[in-house]
Amino acid sequence: MALKLFVGNLSRSTTDDALSEFVNNAGFSVASAVVIRDRATGDSKGFGFVELAEGEDLERAIRELSGQALDGRPLTVNEARPQSAGFSEGRGGGGGRPAGGGRGGFKTRKRDW
């Protein structure tokens, strides 16, 4: 199982490479690092994820990286939680409701006259 860290309070200027280098320089082997960005604007959302290489101690990484400053901002570091099922569905879906709002579609309505 991958050891994945959530890293919060990132500066808008922090890049994937800078995040990876920061964790690597702190003494941890990094498998991947990504800063989450807004799809429309490309701006950082202020958090990212770092996947540590196999064999690294997740708890030690959290302890040693939490509060450390990157680009002038103290980081919040926690174990990344799995993405919830509904999170990736995007907005504007039906919210799980049947098509037509559950009141019968246009074709099934009876005329009153």
PDB file of N, CA and C in Angstrom:
ATOM      1  N   MET A   1       0.840  -1.188   0.000  1.00  0.00           N
ATOM      2  CA  MET A   1       0.000   0.000   0.000  1.00  0.00           C
ATOM      3  C   MET A   1       0.880   1.244   0.000  1.00  0.00           C
ATOM      4  N   ALA A   2       0.487   2.224  -0.809  1.00  0.00           N
ATOM      5  CA  ALA A   2       1.263   3.446  -0.935  1.00  0.00           C
ATOM      6  C   ALA A   2       1.140   4.300   0.324  1.00  0.00           C
ATOM      7  N   LEU A   3       2.198   4.987   0.643  1.00  0.00           N
ATOM      8  CA  LEU A   3       2.215   5.914   1.770  1.00  0.00           C
ATOM      9  C   LEU A   3       2.024   7.309   1.205  1.00  0.00           C
ATOM     10  N   LYS A   4       0.829   7.861   1.395  1.00  0.00           N
ATOM     11  CA  LYS A   4       0.510   9.134   0.780  1.00  0.00           C
ATOM     12  C   LYS A   4       0.223  10.183   1.835  1.00  0.00           C
ATOM     13  N   LEU A   5       0.857  11.335   1.660  1.00  0.00           N
ATOM     14  CA  LEU A   5       0.682  12.467   2.567  1.00  0.00           C
ATOM     15  C   LEU A   5      -0.191  13.535   1.927  1.00  0.00           C
ATOM     16  N   PHE A   6      -1.046  14.130   2.735  1.00  0.00           N
ATOM     17  CA  PHE A   6      -1.760  15.345   2.353  1.00  0.00           C
ATOM     18  C   PHE A   6      -0.906  16.494   2.869  1.00  0.00           C
ATOM     19  N   VAL A   7      -0.612  17.465   2.024  1.00  0.00           N
ATOM     20  CA  VAL A   7       0.192  18.623   2.428  1.00  0.00           C
ATOM     21  C   VAL A   7      -0.635  19.873   2.156  1.00  0.00           C
ATOM     22  N   GLY A   8      -1.004  20.575   3.231  1.00  0.00           N
ATOM     23  CA  GLY A   8      -1.838  21.761   3.115  1.00  0.00           C
ATOM     24  C   GLY A   8      -1.089  23.033   3.435  1.00  0.00           C
ATOM     25  N   ASN A   9      -1.737  24.160   3.138  1.00  0.00           N
ATOM     26  CA  ASN A   9      -1.221  25.510   3.347  1.00  0.00           C
ATOM     27  C   ASN A   9      -0.052  25.824   2.412  1.00  0.00           C
ATOM     28  N   LEU A  10      -0.138  25.295   1.192  1.00  0.00           N
ATOM     29  CA  LEU A  10       0.905  25.582   0.206  1.00  0.00           C
ATOM     30  C   LEU A  10       0.713  26.971  -0.385  1.00  0.00           C
ATOM     31  N   SER A  11       1.806  27.595  -0.735  1.00  0.00           N
ATOM     32  CA  SER A  11       1.787  28.885  -1.414  1.00  0.00           C
ATOM     33  C   SER A  11       1.262  28.683  -2.841  1.00  0.00           C
ATOM     34  N   ARG A  12       0.694  29.721  -3.402  1.00  0.00           N
ATOM     35  CA  ARG A  12       0.216  29.645  -4.794  1.00  0.00           C
ATOM     36  C   ARG A  12       1.363  29.418  -5.771  1.00  0.00           C
ATOM     37  N   SER A  13       2.566  29.763  -5.357  1.00  0.00           N
ATOM     38  CA  SER A  13       3.721  29.632  -6.257  1.00  0.00           C
ATOM     39  C   SER A  13       4.426  28.282  -6.140  1.00  0.00           C
ATOM     40  N   THR A  14       4.029  27.438  -5.202  1.00  0.00           N
ATOM     41  CA  THR A  14       4.689  26.147  -5.011  1.00  0.00           C
ATOM     42  C   THR A  14       4.394  25.223  -6.193  1.00  0.00           C
ATOM     43  N   THR A  15       5.441  24.613  -6.726  1.00  0.00           N
ATOM     44  CA  THR A  15       5.305  23.692  -7.859  1.00  0.00           C
ATOM     45  C   THR A  15       5.436  22.248  -7.387  1.00  0.00           C
ATOM     46  N   ASP A  16       5.087  21.321  -8.277  1.00  0.00           N
ATOM     47  CA  ASP A  16       5.247  19.896  -7.978  1.00  0.00           C
ATOM     48  C   ASP A  16       6.706  19.592  -7.637  1.00  0.00           C
ATOM     49  N   ASP A  17       7.622  20.121  -8.453  1.00  0.00           N
ATOM     50  CA  ASP A  17       9.048  19.871  -8.244  1.00  0.00           C
ATOM     51  C   ASP A  17       9.537  20.446  -6.916  1.00  0.00           C
ATOM     52  N   ALA A  18       9.075  21.639  -6.567  1.00  0.00           N
ATOM     53  CA  ALA A  18       9.496  22.258  -5.312  1.00  0.00           C
ATOM     54  C   ALA A  18       9.001  21.447  -4.111  1.00  0.00           C
ATOM     55  N   LEU A  19       7.775  20.947  -4.197  1.00  0.00           N
ATOM     56  CA  LEU A  19       7.222  20.127  -3.115  1.00  0.00           C
ATOM     57  C   LEU A  19       8.007  18.830  -2.978  1.00  0.00           C
ATOM     58  N   SER A  20       8.289  18.193  -4.084  1.00  0.00           N
ATOM     59  CA  SER A  20       9.062  16.944  -4.080  1.00  0.00           C
ATOM     60  C   SER A  20      10.460  17.173  -3.506  1.00  0.00           C
ATOM     61  N   GLU A  21      11.108  18.233  -3.953  1.00  0.00           N
ATOM     62  CA  GLU A  21      12.462  18.551  -3.487  1.00  0.00           C
ATOM     63  C   GLU A  21      12.473  18.856  -1.988  1.00  0.00           C
ATOM     64  N   PHE A  22      11.457  19.570  -1.503  1.00  0.00           N
ATOM     65  CA  PHE A  22      11.358  19.907  -0.089  1.00  0.00           C
ATOM     66  C   PHE A  22      11.285  18.645   0.770  1.00  0.00           C
ATOM     67  N   VAL A  23      10.417  17.709   0.392  1.00  0.00           N
ATOM     68  CA  VAL A  23      10.255  16.468   1.160  1.00  0.00           C
ATOM     69  C   VAL A  23      11.510  15.614   1.050  1.00  0.00           C
ATOM     70  N   ASN A  24      12.102  15.578  -0.123  1.00  0.00           N
ATOM     71  CA  ASN A  24      13.340  14.822  -0.342  1.00  0.00           C
ATOM     72  C   ASN A  24      14.477  15.386   0.501  1.00  0.00           C
ATOM     73  N   ASN A  25      14.586  16.712   0.550  1.00  0.00           N
ATOM     74  CA  ASN A  25      15.634  17.359   1.346  1.00  0.00           C
ATOM     75  C   ASN A  25      15.431  17.162   2.842  1.00  0.00           C
ATOM     76  N   ALA A  26      14.198  16.855   3.249  1.00  0.00           N
ATOM     77  CA  ALA A  26      13.914  16.582   4.656  1.00  0.00           C
ATOM     78  C   ALA A  26      14.308  15.157   5.031  1.00  0.00           C
ATOM     79  N   GLY A  27      14.776  14.381   4.042  1.00  0.00           N
ATOM     80  CA  GLY A  27      15.274  13.041   4.327  1.00  0.00           C
ATOM     81  C   GLY A  27      14.343  11.904   3.970  1.00  0.00           C
ATOM     82  N   PHE A  28      13.351  12.174   3.127  1.00  0.00           N
ATOM     83  CA  PHE A  28      12.400  11.136   2.740  1.00  0.00           C
ATOM     84  C   PHE A  28      12.473  10.896   1.236  1.00  0.00           C
ATOM     85  N   SER A  29      12.372   9.641   0.843  1.00  0.00           N
ATOM     86  CA  SER A  29      12.360   9.298  -0.583  1.00  0.00           C
ATOM     87  C   SER A  29      10.959   9.515  -1.126  1.00  0.00           C
ATOM     88  N   VAL A  30      10.857  10.268  -2.217  1.00  0.00           N
ATOM     89  CA  VAL A  30       9.572  10.634  -2.796  1.00  0.00           C
ATOM     90  C   VAL A  30       9.333   9.838  -4.078  1.00  0.00           C
ATOM     91  N   ALA A  31       8.162   9.176  -4.157  1.00  0.00           N
ATOM     92  CA  ALA A  31       7.771   8.484  -5.380  1.00  0.00           C
ATOM     93  C   ALA A  31       7.087   9.459  -6.330  1.00  0.00           C
ATOM     94  N   SER A  32       6.254  10.360  -5.787  1.00  0.00           N
ATOM     95  CA  SER A  32       5.589  11.375  -6.614  1.00  0.00           C
ATOM     96  C   SER A  32       5.112  12.514  -5.725  1.00  0.00           C
ATOM     97  N   ALA A  33       4.952  13.674  -6.328  1.00  0.00           N
ATOM     98  CA  ALA A  33       4.427  14.847  -5.621  1.00  0.00           C
ATOM     99  C   ALA A  33       3.609  15.659  -6.612  1.00  0.00           C
ATOM    100  N   VAL A  34       2.440  16.087  -6.170  1.00  0.00           N
ATOM    101  CA  VAL A  34       1.584  16.881  -7.056  1.00  0.00           C
ATOM    102  C   VAL A  34       0.867  17.959  -6.245  1.00  0.00           C
ATOM    103  N   VAL A  35       0.892  19.175  -6.779  1.00  0.00           N
ATOM    104  CA  VAL A  35       0.144  20.292  -6.207  1.00  0.00           C
ATOM    105  C   VAL A  35      -1.182  20.335  -6.970  1.00  0.00           C
ATOM    106  N   ILE A  36      -2.288  20.344  -6.251  1.00  0.00           N
ATOM    107  CA  ILE A  36      -3.601  20.340  -6.881  1.00  0.00           C
ATOM    108  C   ILE A  36      -3.930  21.744  -7.384  1.00  0.00           C
ATOM    109  N   ARG A  37      -4.381  21.797  -8.629  1.00  0.00           N
ATOM    110  CA  ARG A  37      -4.652  23.077  -9.287  1.00  0.00           C
ATOM    111  C   ARG A  37      -6.095  23.153  -9.768  1.00  0.00           C
ATOM    112  N   ASP A  38      -6.606  24.368  -9.844  1.00  0.00           N
ATOM    113  CA  ASP A  38      -7.932  24.613 -10.381  1.00  0.00           C
ATOM    114  C   ASP A  38      -7.900  24.327 -11.883  1.00  0.00           C
ATOM    115  N   ARG A  39      -8.848  23.567 -12.360  1.00  0.00           N
ATOM    116  CA  ARG A  39      -8.862  23.195 -13.786  1.00  0.00           C
ATOM    117  C   ARG A  39      -9.047  24.393 -14.702  1.00  0.00           C
ATOM    118  N   ALA A  40      -9.864  25.331 -14.296  1.00  0.00           N
ATOM    119  CA  ALA A  40     -10.164  26.473 -15.157  1.00  0.00           C
ATOM    120  C   ALA A  40      -9.023  27.495 -15.200  1.00  0.00           C
ATOM    121  N   THR A  41      -8.440  27.793 -14.037  1.00  0.00           N
ATOM    122  CA  THR A  41      -7.445  28.864 -13.978  1.00  0.00           C
ATOM    123  C   THR A  41      -6.002  28.370 -13.906  1.00  0.00           C
ATOM    124  N   GLY A  42      -5.814  27.131 -13.459  1.00  0.00           N
ATOM    125  CA  GLY A  42      -4.459  26.615 -13.287  1.00  0.00           C
ATOM    126  C   GLY A  42      -3.809  27.065 -11.985  1.00  0.00           C
ATOM    127  N   ASP A  43      -4.534  27.855 -11.173  1.00  0.00           N
ATOM    128  CA  ASP A  43      -4.000  28.325  -9.893  1.00  0.00           C
ATOM    129  C   ASP A  43      -3.979  27.187  -8.873  1.00  0.00           C
ATOM    130  N   SER A  44      -2.983  27.220  -8.003  1.00  0.00           N
ATOM    131  CA  SER A  44      -2.891  26.239  -6.933  1.00  0.00           C
ATOM    132  C   SER A  44      -4.089  26.370  -6.011  1.00  0.00           C
ATOM    133  N   LYS A  45      -4.595  25.231  -5.551  1.00  0.00           N
ATOM    134  CA  LYS A  45      -5.692  25.240  -4.577  1.00  0.00           C
ATOM    135  C   LYS A  45      -5.152  25.270  -3.149  1.00  0.00           C
ATOM    136  N   GLY A  46      -3.832  25.305  -2.999  1.00  0.00           N
ATOM    137  CA  GLY A  46      -3.231  25.440  -1.680  1.00  0.00           C
ATOM    138  C   GLY A  46      -2.946  24.126  -0.978  1.00  0.00           C
ATOM    139  N   PHE A  47      -3.081  23.017  -1.696  1.00  0.00           N
ATOM    140  CA  PHE A  47      -2.742  21.731  -1.101  1.00  0.00           C
ATOM    141  C   PHE A  47      -2.235  20.791  -2.175  1.00  0.00           C
ATOM    142  N   GLY A  48      -1.625  19.707  -1.710  1.00  0.00           N
ATOM    143  CA  GLY A  48      -1.092  18.724  -2.646  1.00  0.00           C
ATOM    144  C   GLY A  48      -0.918  17.387  -1.955  1.00  0.00           C
ATOM    145  N   PHE A  49      -0.373  16.443  -2.700  1.00  0.00           N
ATOM    146  CA  PHE A  49      -0.162  15.106  -2.189  1.00  0.00           C
ATOM    147  C   PHE A  49       1.248  14.650  -2.523  1.00  0.00           C
ATOM    148  N   VAL A  50       1.848  13.955  -1.573  1.00  0.00           N
ATOM    149  CA  VAL A  50       3.185  13.392  -1.769  1.00  0.00           C
ATOM    150  C   VAL A  50       3.092  11.905  -1.479  1.00  0.00           C
ATOM    151  N   GLU A  51       3.509  11.108  -2.437  1.00  0.00           N
ATOM    152  CA  GLU A  51       3.576   9.664  -2.229  1.00  0.00           C
ATOM    153  C   GLU A  51       5.013   9.317  -1.884  1.00  0.00           C
ATOM    154  N   LEU A  52       5.188   8.754  -0.698  1.00  0.00           N
ATOM    155  CA  LEU A  52       6.530   8.380  -0.250  1.00  0.00           C
ATOM    156  C   LEU A  52       6.910   7.034  -0.850  1.00  0.00           C
ATOM    157  N   ALA A  53       8.196   6.846  -1.047  1.00  0.00           N
ATOM    158  CA  ALA A  53       8.696   5.573  -1.559  1.00  0.00           C
ATOM    159  C   ALA A  53       8.458   4.474  -0.533  1.00  0.00           C
ATOM    160  N   GLU A  54       8.375   3.269  -1.016  1.00  0.00           N
ATOM    161  CA  GLU A  54       8.149   2.117  -0.141  1.00  0.00           C
ATOM    162  C   GLU A  54       9.252   2.036   0.909  1.00  0.00           C
ATOM    163  N   GLY A  55       8.851   1.693   2.114  1.00  0.00           N
ATOM    164  CA  GLY A  55       9.819   1.555   3.199  1.00  0.00           C
ATOM    165  C   GLY A  55       9.953   2.793   4.069  1.00  0.00           C
ATOM    166  N   GLU A  56       9.346   3.915   3.654  1.00  0.00           N
ATOM    167  CA  GLU A  56       9.410   5.136   4.465  1.00  0.00           C
ATOM    168  C   GLU A  56       8.411   5.050   5.618  1.00  0.00           C
ATOM    169  N   ASP A  57       8.695   5.775   6.694  1.00  0.00           N
ATOM    170  CA  ASP A  57       7.844   5.803   7.876  1.00  0.00           C
ATOM    171  C   ASP A  57       6.883   6.986   7.771  1.00  0.00           C
ATOM    172  N   LEU A  58       5.620   6.678   7.523  1.00  0.00           N
ATOM    173  CA  LEU A  58       4.604   7.710   7.326  1.00  0.00           C
ATOM    174  C   LEU A  58       4.446   8.596   8.559  1.00  0.00           C
ATOM    175  N   GLU A  59       4.369   7.982   9.731  1.00  0.00           N
ATOM    176  CA  GLU A  59       4.181   8.759  10.968  1.00  0.00           C
ATOM    177  C   GLU A  59       5.364   9.690  11.228  1.00  0.00           C
ATOM    178  N   ARG A  60       6.551   9.218  10.970  1.00  0.00           N
ATOM    179  CA  ARG A  60       7.742  10.057  11.155  1.00  0.00           C
ATOM    180  C   ARG A  60       7.723  11.226  10.174  1.00  0.00           C
ATOM    181  N   ALA A  61       7.309  10.967   8.949  1.00  0.00           N
ATOM    182  CA  ALA A  61       7.229  12.031   7.940  1.00  0.00           C
ATOM    183  C   ALA A  61       6.226  13.098   8.363  1.00  0.00           C
ATOM    184  N   ILE A  62       5.086  12.670   8.865  1.00  0.00           N
ATOM    185  CA  ILE A  62       4.071  13.625   9.322  1.00  0.00           C
ATOM    186  C   ILE A  62       4.623  14.467  10.462  1.00  0.00           C
ATOM    187  N   ARG A  63       5.242  13.809  11.431  1.00  0.00           N
ATOM    188  CA  ARG A  63       5.815  14.511  12.597  1.00  0.00           C
ATOM    189  C   ARG A  63       6.872  15.520  12.173  1.00  0.00           C
ATOM    190  N   GLU A  64       7.769  15.102  11.290  1.00  0.00           N
ATOM    191  CA  GLU A  64       8.909  15.965  10.949  1.00  0.00           C
ATOM    192  C   GLU A  64       8.573  17.060   9.937  1.00  0.00           C
ATOM    193  N   LEU A  65       7.566  16.850   9.108  1.00  0.00           N
ATOM    194  CA  LEU A  65       7.235  17.854   8.092  1.00  0.00           C
ATOM    195  C   LEU A  65       6.186  18.869   8.552  1.00  0.00           C
ATOM    196  N   SER A  66       5.322  18.468   9.477  1.00  0.00           N
ATOM    197  CA  SER A  66       4.276  19.380   9.966  1.00  0.00           C
ATOM    198  C   SER A  66       4.903  20.619  10.594  1.00  0.00           C
ATOM    199  N   GLY A  67       4.420  21.780  10.174  1.00  0.00           N
ATOM    200  CA  GLY A  67       4.914  23.040  10.721  1.00  0.00           C
ATOM    201  C   GLY A  67       6.152  23.579  10.034  1.00  0.00           C
ATOM    202  N   GLN A  68       6.823  22.755   9.217  1.00  0.00           N
ATOM    203  CA  GLN A  68       7.997  23.231   8.486  1.00  0.00           C
ATOM    204  C   GLN A  68       7.543  24.242   7.430  1.00  0.00           C
ATOM    205  N   ALA A  69       8.382  25.222   7.144  1.00  0.00           N
ATOM    206  CA  ALA A  69       8.014  26.266   6.188  1.00  0.00           C
ATOM    207  C   ALA A  69       8.501  25.932   4.784  1.00  0.00           C
ATOM    208  N   LEU A  70       7.596  26.077   3.836  1.00  0.00           N
ATOM    209  CA  LEU A  70       7.911  25.953   2.410  1.00  0.00           C
ATOM    210  C   LEU A  70       7.365  27.197   1.737  1.00  0.00           C
ATOM    211  N   ASP A  71       8.207  27.910   1.027  1.00  0.00           N
ATOM    212  CA  ASP A  71       7.836  29.172   0.372  1.00  0.00           C
ATOM    213  C   ASP A  71       7.205  30.145   1.370  1.00  0.00           C
ATOM    214  N   GLY A  72       7.754  30.155   2.607  1.00  0.00           N
ATOM    215  CA  GLY A  72       7.318  31.104   3.620  1.00  0.00           C
ATOM    216  C   GLY A  72       6.031  30.753   4.342  1.00  0.00           C
ATOM    217  N   ARG A  73       5.523  29.529   4.152  1.00  0.00           N
ATOM    218  CA  ARG A  73       4.263  29.143   4.796  1.00  0.00           C
ATOM    219  C   ARG A  73       4.450  27.849   5.581  1.00  0.00           C
ATOM    220  N   PRO A  74       3.950  27.801   6.833  1.00  0.00           N
ATOM    221  CA  PRO A  74       4.053  26.561   7.626  1.00  0.00           C
ATOM    222  C   PRO A  74       3.081  25.514   7.075  1.00  0.00           C
ATOM    223  N   LEU A  75       3.588  24.320   6.851  1.00  0.00           N
ATOM    224  CA  LEU A  75       2.786  23.266   6.236  1.00  0.00           C
ATOM    225  C   LEU A  75       1.938  22.508   7.246  1.00  0.00           C
ATOM    226  N   THR A  76       0.800  22.059   6.782  1.00  0.00           N
ATOM    227  CA  THR A  76      -0.055  21.135   7.509  1.00  0.00           C
ATOM    228  C   THR A  76       0.100  19.800   6.808  1.00  0.00           C
ATOM    229  N   VAL A  77       0.528  18.782   7.544  1.00  0.00           N
ATOM    230  CA  VAL A  77       0.786  17.476   6.923  1.00  0.00           C
ATOM    231  C   VAL A  77       0.012  16.398   7.679  1.00  0.00           C
ATOM    232  N   ASN A  78      -0.730  15.607   6.926  1.00  0.00           N
ATOM    233  CA  ASN A  78      -1.510  14.507   7.481  1.00  0.00           C
ATOM    234  C   ASN A  78      -1.446  13.322   6.526  1.00  0.00           C
ATOM    235  N   GLU A  79      -1.927  12.179   7.006  1.00  0.00           N
ATOM    236  CA  GLU A  79      -2.059  11.033   6.117  1.00  0.00           C
ATOM    237  C   GLU A  79      -3.209  11.322   5.159  1.00  0.00           C
ATOM    238  N   ALA A  80      -2.979  11.080   3.868  1.00  0.00           N
ATOM    239  CA  ALA A  80      -4.030  11.303   2.878  1.00  0.00           C
ATOM    240  C   ALA A  80      -5.103  10.247   3.051  1.00  0.00           C
ATOM    241  N   ARG A  81      -6.356  10.680   2.972  1.00  0.00           N
ATOM    242  CA  ARG A  81      -7.477   9.752   3.060  1.00  0.00           C
ATOM    243  C   ARG A  81      -7.954   9.414   1.656  1.00  0.00           C
ATOM    244  N   PRO A  82      -8.507   8.223   1.477  1.00  0.00           N
ATOM    245  CA  PRO A  82      -9.022   7.870   0.151  1.00  0.00           C
ATOM    246  C   PRO A  82     -10.120   8.832  -0.280  1.00  0.00           C
ATOM    247  N   GLN A  83     -10.191   9.090  -1.568  1.00  0.00           N
ATOM    248  CA  GLN A  83     -11.197   9.979  -2.109  1.00  0.00           C
ATOM    249  C   GLN A  83     -12.576   9.342  -1.955  1.00  0.00           C
ATOM    250  N   SER A  84     -13.549  10.114  -1.498  1.00  0.00           N
ATOM    251  CA  SER A  84     -14.895   9.565  -1.319  1.00  0.00           C
ATOM    252  C   SER A  84     -15.536   9.307  -2.671  1.00  0.00           C
ATOM    253  N   ALA A  85     -16.462   8.378  -2.717  1.00  0.00           N
ATOM    254  CA  ALA A  85     -17.080   7.951  -3.970  1.00  0.00           C
ATOM    255  C   ALA A  85     -17.760   9.099  -4.705  1.00  0.00           C
ATOM    256  N   GLY A  86     -18.455   9.970  -4.010  1.00  0.00           N
ATOM    257  CA  GLY A  86     -19.200  11.042  -4.659  1.00  0.00           C
ATOM    258  C   GLY A  86     -18.356  12.230  -5.046  1.00  0.00           C
ATOM    259  N   PHE A  87     -17.124  12.298  -4.586  1.00  0.00           N
ATOM    260  CA  PHE A  87     -16.291  13.476  -4.801  1.00  0.00           C
ATOM    261  C   PHE A  87     -15.943  13.677  -6.265  1.00  0.00           C
ATOM    262  N   SER A  88     -15.700  12.611  -6.999  1.00  0.00           N
ATOM    263  CA  SER A  88     -15.209  12.750  -8.364  1.00  0.00           C
ATOM    264  C   SER A  88     -16.318  12.853  -9.400  1.00  0.00           C
ATOM    265  N   GLU A  89     -17.577  12.804  -8.977  1.00  0.00           N
ATOM    266  CA  GLU A  89     -18.664  12.823  -9.940  1.00  0.00           C
ATOM    267  C   GLU A  89     -18.889  14.187 -10.569  1.00  0.00           C
ATOM    268  N   GLY A  90     -18.339  15.217 -10.015  1.00  0.00           N
ATOM    269  CA  GLY A  90     -18.497  16.539 -10.595  1.00  0.00           C
ATOM    270  C   GLY A  90     -19.843  17.142 -10.250  1.00  0.00           C
ATOM    271  N   ARG A  91     -19.956  18.413 -10.506  1.00  0.00           N
ATOM    272  CA  ARG A  91     -21.196  19.113 -10.194  1.00  0.00           C
ATOM    273  C   ARG A  91     -22.138  19.026 -11.386  1.00  0.00           C
ATOM    274  N   GLY A  92     -23.390  19.266 -11.145  1.00  0.00           N
ATOM    275  CA  GLY A  92     -24.352  19.323 -12.225  1.00  0.00           C
ATOM    276  C   GLY A  92     -24.942  17.979 -12.588  1.00  0.00           C
ATOM    277  N   GLY A  93     -24.504  16.924 -11.923  1.00  0.00           N
ATOM    278  CA  GLY A  93     -25.115  15.625 -12.162  1.00  0.00           C
ATOM    279  C   GLY A  93     -26.504  15.643 -11.566  1.00  0.00           C
ATOM    280  N   GLY A  94     -27.199  14.570 -11.634  1.00  0.00           N
ATOM    281  CA  GLY A  94     -28.556  14.526 -11.121  1.00  0.00           C
ATOM    282  C   GLY A  94     -28.611  14.306  -9.635  1.00  0.00           C
ATOM    283  N   GLY A  95     -27.474  14.171  -8.989  1.00  0.00           N
ATOM    284  CA  GLY A  95     -27.494  13.920  -7.569  1.00  0.00           C
ATOM    285  C   GLY A  95     -28.066  12.551  -7.246  1.00  0.00           C
ATOM    286  N   GLY A  96     -28.022  11.659  -8.204  1.00  0.00           N
ATOM    287  CA  GLY A  96     -28.515  10.312  -7.988  1.00  0.00           C
ATOM    288  C   GLY A  96     -30.010  10.172  -8.233  1.00  0.00           C
ATOM    289  N   ARG A  97     -30.672  11.253  -8.607  1.00  0.00           N
ATOM    290  CA  ARG A  97     -32.104  11.171  -8.864  1.00  0.00           C
ATOM    291  C   ARG A  97     -32.345  10.606 -10.252  1.00  0.00           C
ATOM    292  N   PRO A  98     -33.479   9.943 -10.467  1.00  0.00           N
ATOM    293  CA  PRO A  98     -33.769   9.433 -11.798  1.00  0.00           C
ATOM    294  C   PRO A  98     -34.036  10.574 -12.767  1.00  0.00           C
ATOM    295  N   ALA A  99     -33.823  10.327 -14.033  1.00  0.00           N
ATOM    296  CA  ALA A  99     -34.076  11.338 -15.051  1.00  0.00           C
ATOM    297  C   ALA A  99     -35.535  11.763 -14.988  1.00  0.00           C
ATOM    298  N   GLY A 100     -35.781  13.022 -15.237  1.00  0.00           N
ATOM    299  CA  GLY A 100     -37.151  13.510 -15.201  1.00  0.00           C
ATOM    300  C   GLY A 100     -37.603  13.910 -13.805  1.00  0.00           C
ATOM    301  N   GLY A 101     -36.741  13.816 -12.835  1.00  0.00           N
ATOM    302  CA  GLY A 101     -37.070  14.260 -11.496  1.00  0.00           C
ATOM    303  C   GLY A 101     -37.970  13.299 -10.743  1.00  0.00           C
ATOM    304  N   GLY A 102     -38.253  12.139 -11.294  1.00  0.00           N
ATOM    305  CA  GLY A 102     -39.047  11.149 -10.582  1.00  0.00           C
ATOM    306  C   GLY A 102     -40.545  11.410 -10.618  1.00  0.00           C
ATOM    307  N   ARG A 103     -41.005  12.366 -11.432  1.00  0.00           N
ATOM    308  CA  ARG A 103     -42.435  12.676 -11.484  1.00  0.00           C
ATOM    309  C   ARG A 103     -43.060  12.166 -12.777  1.00  0.00           C
ATOM    310  N   GLY A 104     -42.339  11.343 -13.465  1.00  0.00           N
ATOM    311  CA  GLY A 104     -42.851  10.889 -14.760  1.00  0.00           C
ATOM    312  C   GLY A 104     -42.323  11.800 -15.826  1.00  0.00           C
ATOM    313  N   GLY A 105     -41.907  11.245 -16.910  1.00  0.00           N
ATOM    314  CA  GLY A 105     -41.352  12.047 -17.994  1.00  0.00           C
ATOM    315  C   GLY A 105     -42.439  12.705 -18.822  1.00  0.00           C
ATOM    316  N   PHE A 106     -42.053  13.512 -19.754  1.00  0.00           N
ATOM    317  CA  PHE A 106     -42.974  14.235 -20.623  1.00  0.00           C
ATOM    318  C   PHE A 106     -43.867  13.279 -21.401  1.00  0.00           C
ATOM    319  N   LYS A 107     -43.309  12.200 -21.885  1.00  0.00           N
ATOM    320  CA  LYS A 107     -44.061  11.270 -22.734  1.00  0.00           C
ATOM    321  C   LYS A 107     -45.094  10.462 -21.953  1.00  0.00           C
ATOM    322  N   THR A 108     -44.977  10.388 -20.664  1.00  0.00           N
ATOM    323  CA  THR A 108     -45.900   9.557 -19.894  1.00  0.00           C
ATOM    324  C   THR A 108     -47.054  10.355 -19.281  1.00  0.00           C
ATOM    325  N   ARG A 109     -47.057  11.645 -19.472  1.00  0.00           N
ATOM    326  CA  ARG A 109     -48.126  12.459 -18.915  1.00  0.00           C
ATOM    327  C   ARG A 109     -49.414  12.272 -19.704  1.00  0.00           C
ATOM    328  N   LYS A 110     -50.512  12.214 -18.992  1.00  0.00           N
ATOM    329  CA  LYS A 110     -51.810  12.088 -19.649  1.00  0.00           C
ATOM    330  C   LYS A 110     -52.420  13.469 -19.800  1.00  0.00           C
ATOM    331  N   ARG A 111     -53.098  13.657 -20.863  1.00  0.00           N
ATOM    332  CA  ARG A 111     -53.744  14.963 -21.094  1.00  0.00           C
ATOM    333  C   ARG A 111     -55.055  15.013 -20.327  1.00  0.00           C
ATOM    334  N   ASP A 112     -55.318  16.196 -19.826  1.00  0.00           N
ATOM    335  CA  ASP A 112     -56.549  16.398 -19.071  1.00  0.00           C
ATOM    336  C   ASP A 112     -57.757  16.624 -19.981  1.00  0.00           C
ATOM    337  N   TRP A 113     -57.538  16.783 -21.248  1.00  0.00           N
ATOM    338  CA  TRP A 113     -58.657  17.080 -22.085  1.00  0.00           C
ATOM    339  C   TRP A 113     -58.956  16.107 -23.113  1.00  0.00           C
TER     340      TRP A 113
END
